[in-house]
Amino acid sequence: MHPIQLEGSTSRGGAALMLCSGVILLLLVLNLTFTEQLLWYHAALLILAMLGLFAGWAKLSEPRFFLQCDAQGIHYRHRRGSWLLPWDSMLYCAVPQCAEQSLSFIAFKLQHYDPFLQQLPLRLAVRIMTEQRAIYLEAVRQSCSNGGCATELLAEHEHFNTKQASYNGIKAAFAHRMQRLATTIGFELYVPITLAKDEAEQVCRKINQLRLQHINKGTT
């Protein structure tokens, strides 16, 4: 099984940005030792250099590969944590559509929730719900053609039950969102991407092929 690795654009260039900003900051400090008066452009350059250092550090803190596939399944890596979707827990992945428009996501259709929910970090779950709030609100809007049920759907649920386990709090809210998204858009999990539609569809085909290889290997 050949692994799939998708590199995030936000993690690129962090080292170069920090290096350039550090050099500029060092030169400014050396220059200021021979300057009697701090001018406005010195202060501006100092602020820009420090902002560059911070931006470079932020880039380096992002995982180099945000999506990886191996023998275990699909790994999504975020600066707030990571989740694993085992091959046996998914049916397929595709580029989702909403109102006949392709979304900038790779989406996964699940057949078993428990293997995913049991290892989902709470901190990451909160972050995903925050970052993907727009797509959830669109799912709610589609479910409420007259707007009458929006309040009920937007309410966070504190309990969620499967045939194997019960979940409370953050995981319950996350699971209910998964169900709502699956009902309206067709998929439970969404990974944001910056790829063109053709490239994203090609990635989905490769992931689906890897899943079939795993399933076929397990039945032989």
C-alpha atoms as a PDB file:
ATOM      1  CA  MET A   1       0.000   0.000   0.000  1.00  0.00           C
ATOM      2  CA  HIS A   2       1.555   3.281  -1.112  1.00  0.00           C
ATOM      3  CA  PRO A   3       0.870   6.061   1.418  1.00  0.00           C
ATOM      4  CA  ILE A   4      -0.774   9.326   0.420  1.00  0.00           C
ATOM      5  CA  GLN A   5       0.558  12.567   1.861  1.00  0.00           C
ATOM      6  CA  LEU A   6      -0.918  16.020   1.267  1.00  0.00           C
ATOM      7  CA  GLU A   7       1.291  18.947   2.219  1.00  0.00           C
ATOM      8  CA  GLY A   8      -0.363  22.022   3.673  1.00  0.00           C
ATOM      9  CA  SER A   9       0.313  25.374   2.025  1.00  0.00           C
ATOM     10  CA  THR A  10       0.256  27.220   5.370  1.00  0.00           C
ATOM     11  CA  SER A  11       3.304  25.314   6.621  1.00  0.00           C
ATOM     12  CA  ARG A  12       5.512  26.296   3.699  1.00  0.00           C
ATOM     13  CA  GLY A  13       8.134  28.997   3.943  1.00  0.00           C
ATOM     14  CA  GLY A  14       8.149  29.252   7.719  1.00  0.00           C
ATOM     15  CA  ALA A  15      11.896  28.715   8.130  1.00  0.00           C
ATOM     16  CA  ALA A  16      12.771  31.160   5.348  1.00  0.00           C
ATOM     17  CA  LEU A  17      10.453  33.804   6.786  1.00  0.00           C
ATOM     18  CA  MET A  18      11.931  33.436  10.265  1.00  0.00           C
ATOM     19  CA  LEU A  19      15.484  33.564   8.892  1.00  0.00           C
ATOM     20  CA  CYS A  20      14.873  36.713   6.845  1.00  0.00           C
ATOM     21  CA  SER A  21      13.041  38.416   9.702  1.00  0.00           C
ATOM     22  CA  GLY A  22      15.791  37.462  12.132  1.00  0.00           C
ATOM     23  CA  VAL A  23      18.502  38.861   9.868  1.00  0.00           C
ATOM     24  CA  ILE A  24      16.567  42.118   9.426  1.00  0.00           C
ATOM     25  CA  LEU A  25      16.026  42.381  13.175  1.00  0.00           C
ATOM     26  CA  LEU A  26      19.727  41.778  13.879  1.00  0.00           C
ATOM     27  CA  LEU A  27      20.808  44.403  11.345  1.00  0.00           C
ATOM     28  CA  LEU A  28      18.362  46.895  12.824  1.00  0.00           C
ATOM     29  CA  VAL A  29      19.653  46.309  16.340  1.00  0.00           C
ATOM     30  CA  LEU A  30      23.244  46.748  15.167  1.00  0.00           C
ATOM     31  CA  ASN A  31      22.285  49.895  13.289  1.00  0.00           C
ATOM     32  CA  LEU A  32      20.530  51.340  16.322  1.00  0.00           C
ATOM     33  CA  THR A  33      23.680  51.001  18.401  1.00  0.00           C
ATOM     34  CA  PHE A  34      25.252  53.654  16.180  1.00  0.00           C
ATOM     35  CA  THR A  35      22.141  55.837  15.950  1.00  0.00           C
ATOM     36  CA  GLU A  36      21.569  58.585  18.467  1.00  0.00           C
ATOM     37  CA  GLN A  37      17.856  58.907  17.801  1.00  0.00           C
ATOM     38  CA  LEU A  38      15.200  56.282  17.117  1.00  0.00           C
ATOM     39  CA  LEU A  39      13.347  57.349  13.981  1.00  0.00           C
ATOM     40  CA  TRP A  40       9.824  56.327  13.028  1.00  0.00           C
ATOM     41  CA  TYR A  41      10.951  54.011  10.249  1.00  0.00           C
ATOM     42  CA  HIS A  42      13.266  52.206  12.676  1.00  0.00           C
ATOM     43  CA  ALA A  43      10.272  51.454  14.876  1.00  0.00           C
ATOM     44  CA  ALA A  44       8.204  50.375  11.866  1.00  0.00           C
ATOM     45  CA  LEU A  45      10.929  48.012  10.639  1.00  0.00           C
ATOM     46  CA  LEU A  46      11.356  46.566  14.118  1.00  0.00           C
ATOM     47  CA  ILE A  47       7.639  45.850  14.349  1.00  0.00           C
ATOM     48  CA  LEU A  48       7.592  44.270  10.879  1.00  0.00           C
ATOM     49  CA  ALA A  49      10.607  42.101  11.689  1.00  0.00           C
ATOM     50  CA  MET A  50       9.006  40.884  14.909  1.00  0.00           C
ATOM     51  CA  LEU A  51       5.740  40.181  13.101  1.00  0.00           C
ATOM     52  CA  GLY A  52       7.716  38.231  10.504  1.00  0.00           C
ATOM     53  CA  LEU A  53       9.314  36.134  13.249  1.00  0.00           C
ATOM     54  CA  PHE A  54       5.899  35.395  14.734  1.00  0.00           C
ATOM     55  CA  ALA A  55       4.392  34.530  11.333  1.00  0.00           C
ATOM     56  CA  GLY A  56       7.322  32.226  10.570  1.00  0.00           C
ATOM     57  CA  TRP A  57       6.936  30.490  13.912  1.00  0.00           C
ATOM     58  CA  ALA A  58       3.205  30.068  13.268  1.00  0.00           C
ATOM     59  CA  LYS A  59       3.944  28.464   9.903  1.00  0.00           C
ATOM     60  CA  LEU A  60       6.469  26.085  11.454  1.00  0.00           C
ATOM     61  CA  SER A  61       3.921  25.053  14.084  1.00  0.00           C
ATOM     62  CA  GLU A  62       1.596  23.791  11.343  1.00  0.00           C
ATOM     63  CA  PRO A  63       1.996  20.088  10.441  1.00  0.00           C
ATOM     64  CA  ARG A  64       3.875  19.644   7.180  1.00  0.00           C
ATOM     65  CA  PHE A  65       1.390  17.006   5.979  1.00  0.00           C
ATOM     66  CA  PHE A  66      -2.219  17.666   6.968  1.00  0.00           C
ATOM     67  CA  LEU A  67      -3.608  14.457   5.432  1.00  0.00           C
ATOM     68  CA  GLN A  68      -1.868  11.085   5.368  1.00  0.00           C
ATOM     69  CA  CYS A  69      -3.049   7.602   4.467  1.00  0.00           C
ATOM     70  CA  ASP A  70      -1.327   4.419   5.603  1.00  0.00           C
ATOM     71  CA  ALA A  71      -2.205   0.877   6.653  1.00  0.00           C
ATOM     72  CA  GLN A  72      -4.158   2.149   9.680  1.00  0.00           C
ATOM     73  CA  GLY A  73      -6.407   4.502   7.768  1.00  0.00           C
ATOM     74  CA  ILE A  74      -6.650   8.241   7.169  1.00  0.00           C
ATOM     75  CA  HIS A  75      -4.832  10.667   9.456  1.00  0.00           C
ATOM     76  CA  TYR A  76      -5.813  14.331   9.612  1.00  0.00           C
ATOM     77  CA  ARG A  77      -3.203  16.489  11.337  1.00  0.00           C
ATOM     78  CA  HIS A  78      -3.952  19.925  12.734  1.00  0.00           C
ATOM     79  CA  ARG A  79      -1.932  22.167  15.017  1.00  0.00           C
ATOM     80  CA  ARG A  80      -4.556  21.443  17.698  1.00  0.00           C
ATOM     81  CA  GLY A  81      -4.269  17.669  17.355  1.00  0.00           C
ATOM     82  CA  SER A  82      -5.034  14.846  14.931  1.00  0.00           C
ATOM     83  CA  TRP A  83      -7.704  12.298  14.227  1.00  0.00           C
ATOM     84  CA  LEU A  84      -7.625   8.831  12.674  1.00  0.00           C
ATOM     85  CA  LEU A  85     -10.365   7.396  10.490  1.00  0.00           C
ATOM     86  CA  PRO A  86      -9.820   3.615  10.167  1.00  0.00           C
ATOM     87  CA  TRP A  87     -10.427   2.102   6.750  1.00  0.00           C
ATOM     88  CA  ASP A  88     -13.197  -0.109   8.129  1.00  0.00           C
ATOM     89  CA  SER A  89     -15.096   2.927   9.411  1.00  0.00           C
ATOM     90  CA  MET A  90     -15.503   4.738   6.083  1.00  0.00           C
ATOM     91  CA  LEU A  91     -17.445   3.968   2.934  1.00  0.00           C
ATOM     92  CA  TYR A  92     -15.888   6.417   0.483  1.00  0.00           C
ATOM     93  CA  CYS A  93     -14.627   9.964   0.072  1.00  0.00           C
ATOM     94  CA  ALA A  94     -15.398  12.621  -2.531  1.00  0.00           C
ATOM     95  CA  VAL A  95     -15.470  16.352  -3.157  1.00  0.00           C
ATOM     96  CA  PRO A  96     -18.764  17.514  -1.575  1.00  0.00           C
ATOM     97  CA  GLN A  97     -21.256  19.822  -3.224  1.00  0.00           C
ATOM     98  CA  CYS A  98     -23.695  22.290  -1.733  1.00  0.00           C
ATOM     99  CA  ALA A  99     -26.300  24.093  -3.832  1.00  0.00           C
ATOM    100  CA  GLU A 100     -24.674  22.509  -6.909  1.00  0.00           C
ATOM    101  CA  GLN A 101     -21.347  24.153  -6.046  1.00  0.00           C
ATOM    102  CA  SER A 102     -18.215  22.164  -5.234  1.00  0.00           C
ATOM    103  CA  LEU A 103     -16.831  22.915  -1.782  1.00  0.00           C
ATOM    104  CA  SER A 104     -13.148  23.314  -0.925  1.00  0.00           C
ATOM    105  CA  PHE A 105     -13.131  20.126   1.112  1.00  0.00           C
ATOM    106  CA  ILE A 106     -12.413  16.439   0.862  1.00  0.00           C
ATOM    107  CA  ALA A 107     -15.327  14.732   2.589  1.00  0.00           C
ATOM    108  CA  PHE A 108     -15.718  11.252   4.062  1.00  0.00           C
ATOM    109  CA  LYS A 109     -18.819   9.092   4.344  1.00  0.00           C
ATOM    110  CA  LEU A 110     -18.720   6.989   7.502  1.00  0.00           C
ATOM    111  CA  GLN A 111     -20.321   3.654   8.277  1.00  0.00           C
ATOM    112  CA  HIS A 112     -19.131   3.358  11.903  1.00  0.00           C
ATOM    113  CA  TYR A 113     -18.885   6.344  14.248  1.00  0.00           C
ATOM    114  CA  ASP A 114     -17.337   4.749  17.341  1.00  0.00           C
ATOM    115  CA  PRO A 115     -13.772   4.019  16.147  1.00  0.00           C
ATOM    116  CA  PHE A 116     -13.512   7.667  15.103  1.00  0.00           C
ATOM    117  CA  LEU A 117     -15.250   9.331  18.051  1.00  0.00           C
ATOM    118  CA  GLN A 118     -13.426   7.305  20.701  1.00  0.00           C
ATOM    119  CA  GLN A 119     -10.020   8.685  19.727  1.00  0.00           C
ATOM    120  CA  LEU A 120     -11.114  12.217  18.701  1.00  0.00           C
ATOM    121  CA  PRO A 121      -9.256  14.810  20.858  1.00  0.00           C
ATOM    122  CA  LEU A 122     -11.662  17.238  22.510  1.00  0.00           C
ATOM    123  CA  ARG A 123      -9.470  20.240  21.745  1.00  0.00           C
ATOM    124  CA  LEU A 124      -9.421  19.359  18.050  1.00  0.00           C
ATOM    125  CA  ALA A 125     -13.167  18.710  18.001  1.00  0.00           C
ATOM    126  CA  VAL A 126     -13.846  22.207  19.335  1.00  0.00           C
ATOM    127  CA  ARG A 127     -11.487  23.743  16.789  1.00  0.00           C
ATOM    128  CA  ILE A 128     -13.048  21.873  13.861  1.00  0.00           C
ATOM    129  CA  MET A 129     -16.562  22.899  14.898  1.00  0.00           C
ATOM    130  CA  THR A 130     -15.387  26.510  15.043  1.00  0.00           C
ATOM    131  CA  GLU A 131     -13.512  26.477  11.732  1.00  0.00           C
ATOM    132  CA  GLN A 132     -16.283  24.627   9.881  1.00  0.00           C
ATOM    133  CA  ARG A 133     -19.201  26.531  11.372  1.00  0.00           C
ATOM    134  CA  ALA A 134     -20.030  28.096   8.001  1.00  0.00           C
ATOM    135  CA  ILE A 135     -20.632  24.752   6.303  1.00  0.00           C
ATOM    136  CA  TYR A 136     -22.750  23.585   9.236  1.00  0.00           C
ATOM    137  CA  LEU A 137     -24.889  26.727   9.107  1.00  0.00           C
ATOM    138  CA  GLU A 138     -25.431  26.103   5.406  1.00  0.00           C
ATOM    139  CA  ALA A 139     -26.533  22.566   6.213  1.00  0.00           C
ATOM    140  CA  VAL A 140     -28.998  23.946   8.771  1.00  0.00           C
ATOM    141  CA  ARG A 141     -30.280  26.486   6.252  1.00  0.00           C
ATOM    142  CA  GLN A 142     -30.967  23.748   3.715  1.00  0.00           C
ATOM    143  CA  SER A 143     -32.801  21.716   6.353  1.00  0.00           C
ATOM    144  CA  CYS A 144     -35.076  24.626   7.229  1.00  0.00           C
ATOM    145  CA  SER A 145     -36.656  25.936   4.068  1.00  0.00           C
ATOM    146  CA  ASN A 146     -38.949  28.224   6.076  1.00  0.00           C
ATOM    147  CA  GLY A 147     -36.467  29.041   8.840  1.00  0.00           C
ATOM    148  CA  GLY A 148     -38.743  27.647  11.527  1.00  0.00           C
ATOM    149  CA  CYS A 149     -36.432  24.907  12.781  1.00  0.00           C
ATOM    150  CA  ALA A 150     -33.121  26.792  12.776  1.00  0.00           C
ATOM    151  CA  THR A 151     -33.107  27.408  16.544  1.00  0.00           C
ATOM    152  CA  GLU A 152     -33.611  23.731  17.321  1.00  0.00           C
ATOM    153  CA  LEU A 153     -30.892  22.589  14.928  1.00  0.00           C
ATOM    154  CA  LEU A 154     -28.395  25.175  16.152  1.00  0.00           C
ATOM    155  CA  ALA A 155     -28.796  24.019  19.757  1.00  0.00           C
ATOM    156  CA  GLU A 156     -25.827  21.968  20.954  1.00  0.00           C
ATOM    157  CA  HIS A 157     -26.805  18.436  22.013  1.00  0.00           C
ATOM    158  CA  GLU A 158     -25.268  17.075  25.205  1.00  0.00           C
ATOM    159  CA  HIS A 159     -25.862  13.363  24.572  1.00  0.00           C
ATOM    160  CA  PHE A 160     -25.317  11.044  21.622  1.00  0.00           C
ATOM    161  CA  ASN A 161     -25.802   7.279  21.577  1.00  0.00           C
ATOM    162  CA  THR A 162     -24.647   4.582  19.189  1.00  0.00           C
ATOM    163  CA  LYS A 163     -25.214   0.832  19.438  1.00  0.00           C
ATOM    164  CA  GLN A 164     -21.873   0.457  21.178  1.00  0.00           C
ATOM    165  CA  ALA A 165     -21.310   3.576  23.277  1.00  0.00           C
ATOM    166  CA  SER A 166     -22.712   6.798  24.708  1.00  0.00           C
ATOM    167  CA  TYR A 167     -21.081  10.204  24.316  1.00  0.00           C
ATOM    168  CA  ASN A 168     -21.529  13.410  26.246  1.00  0.00           C
ATOM    169  CA  GLY A 169     -20.470  17.032  25.945  1.00  0.00           C
ATOM    170  CA  ILE A 170     -18.187  18.019  23.107  1.00  0.00           C
ATOM    171  CA  LYS A 171     -18.120  14.612  21.428  1.00  0.00           C
ATOM    172  CA  ALA A 172     -21.911  14.434  21.509  1.00  0.00           C
ATOM    173  CA  ALA A 173     -22.184  17.869  19.892  1.00  0.00           C
ATOM    174  CA  PHE A 174     -19.615  16.870  17.265  1.00  0.00           C
ATOM    175  CA  ALA A 175     -21.457  13.620  16.496  1.00  0.00           C
ATOM    176  CA  HIS A 176     -24.797  15.415  16.074  1.00  0.00           C
ATOM    177  CA  ARG A 177     -23.134  17.826  13.655  1.00  0.00           C
ATOM    178  CA  MET A 178     -21.767  14.868  11.718  1.00  0.00           C
ATOM    179  CA  GLN A 179     -25.273  13.459  11.399  1.00  0.00           C
ATOM    180  CA  ARG A 180     -26.745  16.790  10.274  1.00  0.00           C
ATOM    181  CA  LEU A 181     -24.027  17.285   7.661  1.00  0.00           C
ATOM    182  CA  ALA A 182     -24.519  13.732   6.411  1.00  0.00           C
ATOM    183  CA  THR A 183     -28.270  14.284   6.085  1.00  0.00           C
ATOM    184  CA  THR A 184     -27.999  17.504   4.084  1.00  0.00           C
ATOM    185  CA  ILE A 185     -24.667  17.303   2.224  1.00  0.00           C
ATOM    186  CA  GLY A 186     -23.985  13.570   2.314  1.00  0.00           C
ATOM    187  CA  PHE A 187     -20.787  13.297   4.358  1.00  0.00           C
ATOM    188  CA  GLU A 188     -19.848  13.320   8.040  1.00  0.00           C
ATOM    189  CA  LEU A 189     -16.219  14.474   7.992  1.00  0.00           C
ATOM    190  CA  TYR A 190     -14.687  17.373   6.075  1.00  0.00           C
ATOM    191  CA  VAL A 191     -11.028  18.235   5.507  1.00  0.00           C
ATOM    192  CA  PRO A 192     -10.340  21.717   4.063  1.00  0.00           C
ATOM    193  CA  ILE A 193      -8.087  21.825   1.004  1.00  0.00           C
ATOM    194  CA  THR A 194      -6.571  24.378  -1.361  1.00  0.00           C
ATOM    195  CA  LEU A 195      -6.379  22.005  -4.328  1.00  0.00           C
ATOM    196  CA  ALA A 196      -8.128  22.509  -7.637  1.00  0.00           C
ATOM    197  CA  LYS A 197     -11.273  20.431  -8.107  1.00  0.00           C
ATOM    198  CA  ASP A 198      -9.596  17.988 -10.519  1.00  0.00           C
ATOM    199  CA  GLU A 199      -6.681  17.469  -8.137  1.00  0.00           C
ATOM    200  CA  ALA A 200      -9.015  16.954  -5.189  1.00  0.00           C
ATOM    201  CA  GLU A 201     -11.062  14.403  -7.126  1.00  0.00           C
ATOM    202  CA  GLN A 202      -7.878  12.548  -8.040  1.00  0.00           C
ATOM    203  CA  VAL A 203      -6.886  12.403  -4.369  1.00  0.00           C
ATOM    204  CA  CYS A 204     -10.327  11.025  -3.511  1.00  0.00           C
ATOM    205  CA  ARG A 205     -10.001   8.313  -6.149  1.00  0.00           C
ATOM    206  CA  LYS A 206      -6.642   7.271  -4.712  1.00  0.00           C
ATOM    207  CA  ILE A 207      -8.051   7.166  -1.184  1.00  0.00           C
ATOM    208  CA  ASN A 208     -11.014   5.065  -2.325  1.00  0.00           C
ATOM    209  CA  GLN A 209      -8.633   2.689  -4.106  1.00  0.00           C
ATOM    210  CA  LEU A 210      -6.553   2.322  -0.946  1.00  0.00           C
ATOM    211  CA  ARG A 211      -9.690   1.538   1.022  1.00  0.00           C
ATOM    212  CA  LEU A 212     -10.675  -1.174  -1.455  1.00  0.00           C
ATOM    213  CA  GLN A 213      -7.177  -2.640  -1.266  1.00  0.00           C
ATOM    214  CA  HIS A 214      -7.439  -2.772   2.510  1.00  0.00           C
ATOM    215  CA  ILE A 215     -10.929  -4.325   2.462  1.00  0.00           C
ATOM    216  CA  ASN A 216      -9.922  -6.918  -0.147  1.00  0.00           C
ATOM    217  CA  LYS A 217      -6.768  -7.738   1.788  1.00  0.00           C
ATOM    218  CA  GLY A 218      -8.789  -8.283   4.939  1.00  0.00           C
ATOM    219  CA  THR A 219     -11.197 -10.702   3.237  1.00  0.00           C
ATOM    220  CA  THR A 220      -8.477 -12.908   1.728  1.00  0.00           C
END
